[in-house]
């Protein structure tokens, strides 16, 4: 008998691209974590409140973008700024996880959960200029 571990991020190595996050969540896991329906998760993706990309044929969301029971506060704003600058979901993912030694956590995604979230938004906005 195997036991499943609910709401656990899938480790990244077999799913990861060059600048991918370390852990992934499938959409049903995100719905459970946020305590919303799966259709609400799909709506959040369409509204750029969440970022989902296909890995191994399954749409997944970087685990660190869903903090506890909420989406990171500044994530929707950053995703909209990136989309306004022509970034598709894959390009936005690459930008969020591109190593940057000038930010805490060394990536814009990691900095979104700390004091530098506004700096990440400012940098995303500056991409258009």
Protein backbone atom coordinates (compact mmCIF):
# COMPACT_ATOMS: atom_id res chain seq x y z
CA UNK A 1 0.00 0.00 0.00
CA UNK A 2 1.41 3.38 -0.94
CA UNK A 3 0.62 6.56 0.91
CA UNK A 4 0.22 9.78 -0.99
CA UNK A 5 1.50 13.01 0.45
CA UNK A 6 -1.03 15.71 -0.41
CA UNK A 7 -0.04 19.23 -1.31
CA UNK A 8 3.63 18.42 -1.75
CA UNK A 9 5.71 20.13 -4.38
CA UNK A 10 7.20 17.88 -7.02
CA UNK A 11 10.99 18.12 -6.92
CA UNK A 12 12.43 19.91 -9.88
CA UNK A 13 15.34 18.00 -11.43
CA UNK A 14 13.31 15.78 -13.77
CA UNK A 15 10.98 18.68 -14.61
CA UNK A 16 13.36 21.61 -14.58
CA UNK A 17 14.62 23.74 -17.40
CA UNK A 18 17.76 25.87 -17.05
CA UNK A 19 16.14 28.53 -14.85
CA UNK A 20 13.19 26.64 -13.41
CA UNK A 21 12.14 26.62 -9.77
CA UNK A 22 13.05 23.79 -7.43
CA UNK A 23 9.49 22.60 -6.79
CA UNK A 24 6.25 22.41 -8.72
CA UNK A 25 2.59 22.03 -7.82
CA UNK A 26 -0.04 20.49 -10.08
CA UNK A 27 -3.21 22.56 -10.46
CA UNK A 28 -5.33 20.32 -8.17
CA UNK A 29 -2.71 20.76 -5.43
CA UNK A 30 -2.85 24.54 -5.87
CA UNK A 31 -6.64 24.45 -5.63
CA UNK A 32 -6.39 22.48 -2.40
CA UNK A 33 -3.71 24.76 -0.96
CA UNK A 34 -5.72 27.90 -1.77
CA UNK A 35 -9.00 26.24 -0.78
CA UNK A 36 -10.65 27.12 -4.10
CA UNK A 37 -12.09 25.10 -6.96
CA UNK A 38 -9.92 23.93 -9.85
CA UNK A 39 -11.93 26.20 -12.16
CA UNK A 40 -10.96 29.15 -9.94
CA UNK A 41 -7.28 28.18 -10.35
CA UNK A 42 -7.76 28.15 -14.14
CA UNK A 43 -9.39 31.60 -13.91
CA UNK A 44 -6.49 32.89 -11.81
CA UNK A 45 -4.07 31.69 -14.48
CA UNK A 46 -6.10 33.40 -17.23
CA UNK A 47 -6.23 36.59 -15.15
CA UNK A 48 -2.45 36.45 -14.62
CA UNK A 49 -2.77 36.04 -10.88
CA UNK A 50 -0.79 32.80 -11.16
CA UNK A 51 1.81 31.50 -13.58
CA UNK A 52 1.46 27.99 -14.99
CA UNK A 53 3.65 26.26 -17.56
CA UNK A 54 3.68 22.75 -19.01
CA UNK A 55 6.26 20.34 -17.68
CA UNK A 56 6.08 16.69 -18.75
CA UNK A 57 2.75 17.47 -20.43
CA UNK A 58 1.12 18.72 -17.22
CA UNK A 59 0.41 22.34 -16.32
CA UNK A 60 2.30 23.17 -13.14
CA UNK A 61 2.82 26.19 -10.94
CA UNK A 62 6.09 26.98 -9.15
CA UNK A 63 5.50 26.00 -5.52
CA UNK A 64 7.11 29.08 -4.02
CA UNK A 65 4.63 31.38 -5.81
CA UNK A 66 1.83 29.96 -3.68
CA UNK A 67 2.77 30.94 -0.14
CA UNK A 68 0.79 28.99 2.44
CA UNK A 69 -2.85 29.67 1.57
CA UNK A 70 -2.36 32.69 -0.70
CA UNK A 71 -0.64 33.77 -3.88
CA UNK A 72 2.37 36.02 -3.32
CA UNK A 73 1.00 39.55 -2.97
CA UNK A 74 2.96 41.22 -5.78
CA UNK A 75 2.93 38.30 -8.23
CA UNK A 76 -0.16 39.38 -10.24
CA UNK A 77 1.28 42.86 -10.75
CA UNK A 78 4.63 41.49 -11.91
CA UNK A 79 2.96 38.98 -14.26
CA UNK A 80 0.85 41.74 -15.80
CA UNK A 81 3.89 43.99 -16.25
CA UNK A 82 5.79 41.16 -17.93
CA UNK A 83 2.82 40.35 -20.20
CA UNK A 84 2.53 44.03 -21.14
CA UNK A 85 6.17 43.85 -22.22
CA UNK A 86 5.51 40.86 -24.49
CA UNK A 87 6.56 38.05 -22.17
CA UNK A 88 4.65 34.78 -22.57
CA UNK A 89 4.38 32.38 -19.64
CA UNK A 90 7.65 30.58 -20.39
CA UNK A 91 9.53 33.87 -20.76
CA UNK A 92 7.98 35.20 -17.54
CA UNK A 93 9.08 32.02 -15.76
CA UNK A 94 12.63 32.43 -17.07
CA UNK A 95 12.69 36.09 -15.94
CA UNK A 96 11.36 35.22 -12.47
CA UNK A 97 13.96 32.49 -11.96
CA UNK A 98 16.95 34.08 -13.68
CA UNK A 99 19.77 34.26 -11.10
CA UNK A 100 20.34 37.81 -9.85
CA UNK A 101 22.90 38.35 -7.10
CA UNK A 102 21.55 41.84 -6.38
CA UNK A 103 18.28 40.42 -5.00
CA UNK A 104 17.69 38.49 -1.78
CA UNK A 105 17.24 34.82 -2.60
CA UNK A 106 19.14 35.41 -5.87
CA UNK A 107 16.02 35.44 -8.11
CA UNK A 108 13.12 37.85 -8.65
CA UNK A 109 10.71 35.06 -7.61
CA UNK A 110 12.43 34.60 -4.25
CA UNK A 111 12.59 38.36 -3.69
CA UNK A 112 8.81 38.66 -4.22
CA UNK A 113 8.19 37.11 -0.84
CA UNK A 114 10.39 39.60 1.00
CA UNK A 115 11.17 43.26 1.40
CA UNK A 116 12.38 43.63 -2.20
CA UNK A 117 9.04 42.89 -3.88
CA UNK A 118 8.65 46.52 -4.96
CA UNK A 119 12.12 46.43 -6.48
CA UNK A 120 11.13 43.37 -8.50
CA UNK A 121 8.02 45.21 -9.73
CA UNK A 122 10.13 48.26 -10.62
CA UNK A 123 12.53 46.07 -12.63
CA UNK A 124 9.65 44.37 -14.44
CA UNK A 125 8.18 47.77 -15.27
CA UNK A 126 11.54 49.04 -16.55
CA UNK A 127 11.64 46.26 -19.14
CA UNK A 128 9.28 48.31 -21.29
CA UNK A 129 11.67 51.23 -21.55
